[in-house]
Amino acid sequence: MEPWETREWFAEMLDVLNRHDLDDLRALLEPGVRRAHLPAGADAWVDDYAELVRGFPDWRWRRIQVVVEDDRLAVHLRGAGTHTGTFRHVAPTRRRVNIASFAMYRLTRGRIAEASGTDDAEQVLAQLR
């Protein structure tokens, strides 16, 4: 993909995440997607995201910056939501959580094949304690 196409692809991904559309999210991931320090595979990624949006039904991501180089994509996002559902065995607190997220992706055929970055779940949990 050309850099402008990758930017458009990421805009679509952000829309999918903000709609909490797990089927469309799965379509943006290679089935065996590798994630640094997290379980591999699209199922694990989708399960983790489903857990986040169950705990924070109003969760939204906002793009701060996107950098594209060849098949690589670096993103800086802000994520926020209100804890009204159980998240990582923590009962709802009604606290508002706001985190910074940094990630690097390698794309293959318009899908994420590799990902690394900050551990968003740990940042979220830290604000619930």
C-alpha atoms as a PDB file:
ATOM      1  CA  MET A   1       0.000   0.000   0.000  1.00  0.00           C
ATOM      2  CA  GLU A   2       1.048   3.573  -0.599  1.00  0.00           C
ATOM      3  CA  PRO A   3       1.411   5.778   2.514  1.00  0.00           C
ATOM      4  CA  TRP A   4      -1.867   7.591   1.797  1.00  0.00           C
ATOM      5  CA  GLU A   5      -3.645   4.223   1.467  1.00  0.00           C
ATOM      6  CA  THR A   6      -2.177   3.082   4.788  1.00  0.00           C
ATOM      7  CA  ARG A   7      -3.440   6.259   6.460  1.00  0.00           C
ATOM      8  CA  GLU A   8      -6.914   5.637   5.025  1.00  0.00           C
ATOM      9  CA  TRP A   9      -6.692   2.007   6.167  1.00  0.00           C
ATOM     10  CA  PHE A  10      -5.903   3.151   9.703  1.00  0.00           C
ATOM     11  CA  ALA A  11      -8.800   5.638   9.662  1.00  0.00           C
ATOM     12  CA  GLU A  12     -11.041   2.667   8.821  1.00  0.00           C
ATOM     13  CA  MET A  13      -9.505   0.628  11.647  1.00  0.00           C
ATOM     14  CA  LEU A  14     -10.108   3.453  14.116  1.00  0.00           C
ATOM     15  CA  ASP A  15     -13.734   3.621  12.983  1.00  0.00           C
ATOM     16  CA  VAL A  16     -14.082  -0.154  13.469  1.00  0.00           C
ATOM     17  CA  LEU A  17     -12.617   0.108  16.987  1.00  0.00           C
ATOM     18  CA  ASN A  18     -14.900   3.003  17.904  1.00  0.00           C
ATOM     19  CA  ARG A  19     -17.973   1.147  16.618  1.00  0.00           C
ATOM     20  CA  HIS A  20     -16.860  -1.862  18.701  1.00  0.00           C
ATOM     21  CA  ASP A  21     -17.381  -4.031  15.614  1.00  0.00           C
ATOM     22  CA  LEU A  22     -15.561  -7.251  16.492  1.00  0.00           C
ATOM     23  CA  ASP A  23     -16.251  -8.939  13.141  1.00  0.00           C
ATOM     24  CA  ASP A  24     -14.801  -6.031  11.177  1.00  0.00           C
ATOM     25  CA  LEU A  25     -11.858  -5.900  13.601  1.00  0.00           C
ATOM     26  CA  ARG A  26     -11.120  -9.567  12.931  1.00  0.00           C
ATOM     27  CA  ALA A  27     -11.111  -8.823   9.174  1.00  0.00           C
ATOM     28  CA  LEU A  28      -8.271  -6.302   9.720  1.00  0.00           C
ATOM     29  CA  LEU A  29      -6.050  -8.887  11.443  1.00  0.00           C
ATOM     30  CA  GLU A  30      -3.995 -11.732  10.041  1.00  0.00           C
ATOM     31  CA  PRO A  31      -5.293 -14.944  11.690  1.00  0.00           C
ATOM     32  CA  GLY A  32      -1.868 -15.578  13.255  1.00  0.00           C
ATOM     33  CA  VAL A  33      -1.113 -11.948  14.146  1.00  0.00           C
ATOM     34  CA  ARG A  34       1.820 -11.733  16.571  1.00  0.00           C
ATOM     35  CA  ARG A  35       1.618  -9.324  19.500  1.00  0.00           C
ATOM     36  CA  ALA A  36       4.635  -8.523  21.644  1.00  0.00           C
ATOM     37  CA  HIS A  37       4.171  -9.849  25.200  1.00  0.00           C
ATOM     38  CA  LEU A  38       0.548 -10.834  24.528  1.00  0.00           C
ATOM     39  CA  PRO A  39      -1.083 -14.013  23.213  1.00  0.00           C
ATOM     40  CA  ALA A  40      -0.849 -14.307  19.420  1.00  0.00           C
ATOM     41  CA  GLY A  41      -3.704 -14.711  16.996  1.00  0.00           C
ATOM     42  CA  ALA A  42      -6.726 -12.750  15.873  1.00  0.00           C
ATOM     43  CA  ASP A  43      -8.976 -14.557  18.376  1.00  0.00           C
ATOM     44  CA  ALA A  44      -6.855 -13.378  21.322  1.00  0.00           C
ATOM     45  CA  TRP A  45      -6.794  -9.791  20.010  1.00  0.00           C
ATOM     46  CA  VAL A  46     -10.574  -9.719  19.460  1.00  0.00           C
ATOM     47  CA  ASP A  47     -11.207 -11.307  22.887  1.00  0.00           C
ATOM     48  CA  ASP A  48      -9.040  -8.653  24.569  1.00  0.00           C
ATOM     49  CA  TYR A  49     -10.867  -5.847  22.775  1.00  0.00           C
ATOM     50  CA  ALA A  50     -14.258  -7.377  23.587  1.00  0.00           C
ATOM     51  CA  GLU A  51     -13.287  -7.428  27.269  1.00  0.00           C
ATOM     52  CA  LEU A  52     -12.309  -3.744  27.115  1.00  0.00           C
ATOM     53  CA  VAL A  53     -15.593  -2.627  25.543  1.00  0.00           C
ATOM     54  CA  ARG A  54     -17.662  -4.782  27.921  1.00  0.00           C
ATOM     55  CA  GLY A  55     -16.006  -2.989  30.818  1.00  0.00           C
ATOM     56  CA  PHE A  56     -16.159   0.404  29.092  1.00  0.00           C
ATOM     57  CA  PRO A  57     -19.171   0.443  26.733  1.00  0.00           C
ATOM     58  CA  ASP A  58     -18.521   4.081  25.803  1.00  0.00           C
ATOM     59  CA  TRP A  59     -14.815   3.491  25.007  1.00  0.00           C
ATOM     60  CA  ARG A  60     -13.453   5.664  22.177  1.00  0.00           C
ATOM     61  CA  TRP A  61     -10.038   6.055  20.575  1.00  0.00           C
ATOM     62  CA  ARG A  62      -8.781   9.385  19.234  1.00  0.00           C
ATOM     63  CA  ARG A  63      -5.874   9.624  16.804  1.00  0.00           C
ATOM     64  CA  ILE A  64      -3.043  11.887  17.888  1.00  0.00           C
ATOM     65  CA  GLN A  65      -0.412  10.960  15.303  1.00  0.00           C
ATOM     66  CA  VAL A  66       0.184   8.361  12.589  1.00  0.00           C
ATOM     67  CA  VAL A  67       3.519   7.734  10.873  1.00  0.00           C
ATOM     68  CA  VAL A  68       3.819   5.404   7.873  1.00  0.00           C
ATOM     69  CA  GLU A  69       6.988   3.883   6.479  1.00  0.00           C
ATOM     70  CA  ASP A  70       6.833   1.057   3.941  1.00  0.00           C
ATOM     71  CA  ASP A  71       4.737  -1.734   5.525  1.00  0.00           C
ATOM     72  CA  ARG A  72       5.030  -0.212   9.026  1.00  0.00           C
ATOM     73  CA  LEU A  73       2.609   2.003  10.873  1.00  0.00           C
ATOM     74  CA  ALA A  74       3.317   3.870  14.118  1.00  0.00           C
ATOM     75  CA  VAL A  75       0.364   5.339  15.986  1.00  0.00           C
ATOM     76  CA  HIS A  76      -0.173   7.489  19.048  1.00  0.00           C
ATOM     77  CA  LEU A  77      -3.748   7.360  20.331  1.00  0.00           C
ATOM     78  CA  ARG A  78      -5.759   8.522  23.337  1.00  0.00           C
ATOM     79  CA  GLY A  79      -8.396   6.139  24.635  1.00  0.00           C
ATOM     80  CA  ALA A  80     -11.122   6.930  27.133  1.00  0.00           C
ATOM     81  CA  GLY A  81     -14.243   5.438  28.637  1.00  0.00           C
ATOM     82  CA  THR A  82     -16.330   5.033  31.783  1.00  0.00           C
ATOM     83  CA  HIS A  83     -15.968   1.814  33.768  1.00  0.00           C
ATOM     84  CA  THR A  84     -19.582   0.585  33.907  1.00  0.00           C
ATOM     85  CA  GLY A  85     -18.954  -3.131  33.313  1.00  0.00           C
ATOM     86  CA  THR A  86     -16.574  -5.714  34.728  1.00  0.00           C
ATOM     87  CA  PHE A  87     -13.030  -5.401  33.379  1.00  0.00           C
ATOM     88  CA  ARG A  88     -10.273  -7.872  34.289  1.00  0.00           C
ATOM     89  CA  HIS A  89     -12.322  -9.084  37.268  1.00  0.00           C
ATOM     90  CA  VAL A  90     -12.767  -5.521  38.575  1.00  0.00           C
ATOM     91  CA  ALA A  91     -16.398  -4.660  39.298  1.00  0.00           C
ATOM     92  CA  PRO A  92     -17.700  -1.401  37.787  1.00  0.00           C
ATOM     93  CA  THR A  93     -16.366   1.697  39.535  1.00  0.00           C
ATOM     94  CA  ARG A  94     -17.982   4.344  37.298  1.00  0.00           C
ATOM     95  CA  ARG A  95     -14.529   5.939  37.047  1.00  0.00           C
ATOM     96  CA  ARG A  96     -13.564   7.692  33.842  1.00  0.00           C
ATOM     97  CA  VAL A  97     -10.309   6.320  32.416  1.00  0.00           C
ATOM     98  CA  ASN A  98      -8.084   8.150  29.933  1.00  0.00           C
ATOM     99  CA  ILE A  99      -4.899   6.565  28.554  1.00  0.00           C
ATOM    100  CA  ALA A 100      -2.162   7.213  26.013  1.00  0.00           C
ATOM    101  CA  SER A 101      -1.417   4.341  23.650  1.00  0.00           C
ATOM    102  CA  PHE A 102       1.586   3.887  21.383  1.00  0.00           C
ATOM    103  CA  ALA A 103       1.739   1.026  18.875  1.00  0.00           C
ATOM    104  CA  MET A 104       3.770  -0.203  15.935  1.00  0.00           C
ATOM    105  CA  TYR A 105       2.125  -2.388  13.317  1.00  0.00           C
ATOM    106  CA  ARG A 106       3.459  -4.348  10.343  1.00  0.00           C
ATOM    107  CA  LEU A 107       0.852  -4.792   7.640  1.00  0.00           C
ATOM    108  CA  THR A 108       0.545  -7.644   5.169  1.00  0.00           C
ATOM    109  CA  ARG A 109      -2.147  -7.621   2.458  1.00  0.00           C
ATOM    110  CA  GLY A 110      -4.058  -4.877   4.295  1.00  0.00           C
ATOM    111  CA  ARG A 111      -4.054  -6.728   7.620  1.00  0.00           C
ATOM    112  CA  ILE A 112      -2.010  -6.434  10.796  1.00  0.00           C
ATOM    113  CA  ALA A 113       0.580  -9.214  10.900  1.00  0.00           C
ATOM    114  CA  GLU A 114       2.642  -7.961  13.872  1.00  0.00           C
ATOM    115  CA  ALA A 115       2.004  -5.489  16.664  1.00  0.00           C
ATOM    116  CA  SER A 116       3.916  -4.099  19.603  1.00  0.00           C
ATOM    117  CA  GLY A 117       3.398  -1.182  21.935  1.00  0.00           C
ATOM    118  CA  THR A 118       2.137  -0.110  25.306  1.00  0.00           C
ATOM    119  CA  ASP A 119       0.027  -2.475  27.404  1.00  0.00           C
ATOM    120  CA  ASP A 120      -3.280  -0.616  27.396  1.00  0.00           C
ATOM    121  CA  ALA A 121      -4.950  -3.033  29.829  1.00  0.00           C
ATOM    122  CA  GLU A 122      -2.310  -2.352  32.489  1.00  0.00           C
ATOM    123  CA  GLN A 123      -2.767   1.408  32.065  1.00  0.00           C
ATOM    124  CA  VAL A 124      -6.517   1.010  32.421  1.00  0.00           C
ATOM    125  CA  LEU A 125      -6.197  -1.169  35.551  1.00  0.00           C
ATOM    126  CA  ALA A 126      -3.809   1.321  37.135  1.00  0.00           C
ATOM    127  CA  GLN A 127      -6.519   3.984  36.936  1.00  0.00           C
ATOM    128  CA  LEU A 128      -9.113   1.684  38.498  1.00  0.00           C
ATOM    129  CA  ARG A 129      -7.043   0.946  41.609  1.00  0.00           C
END
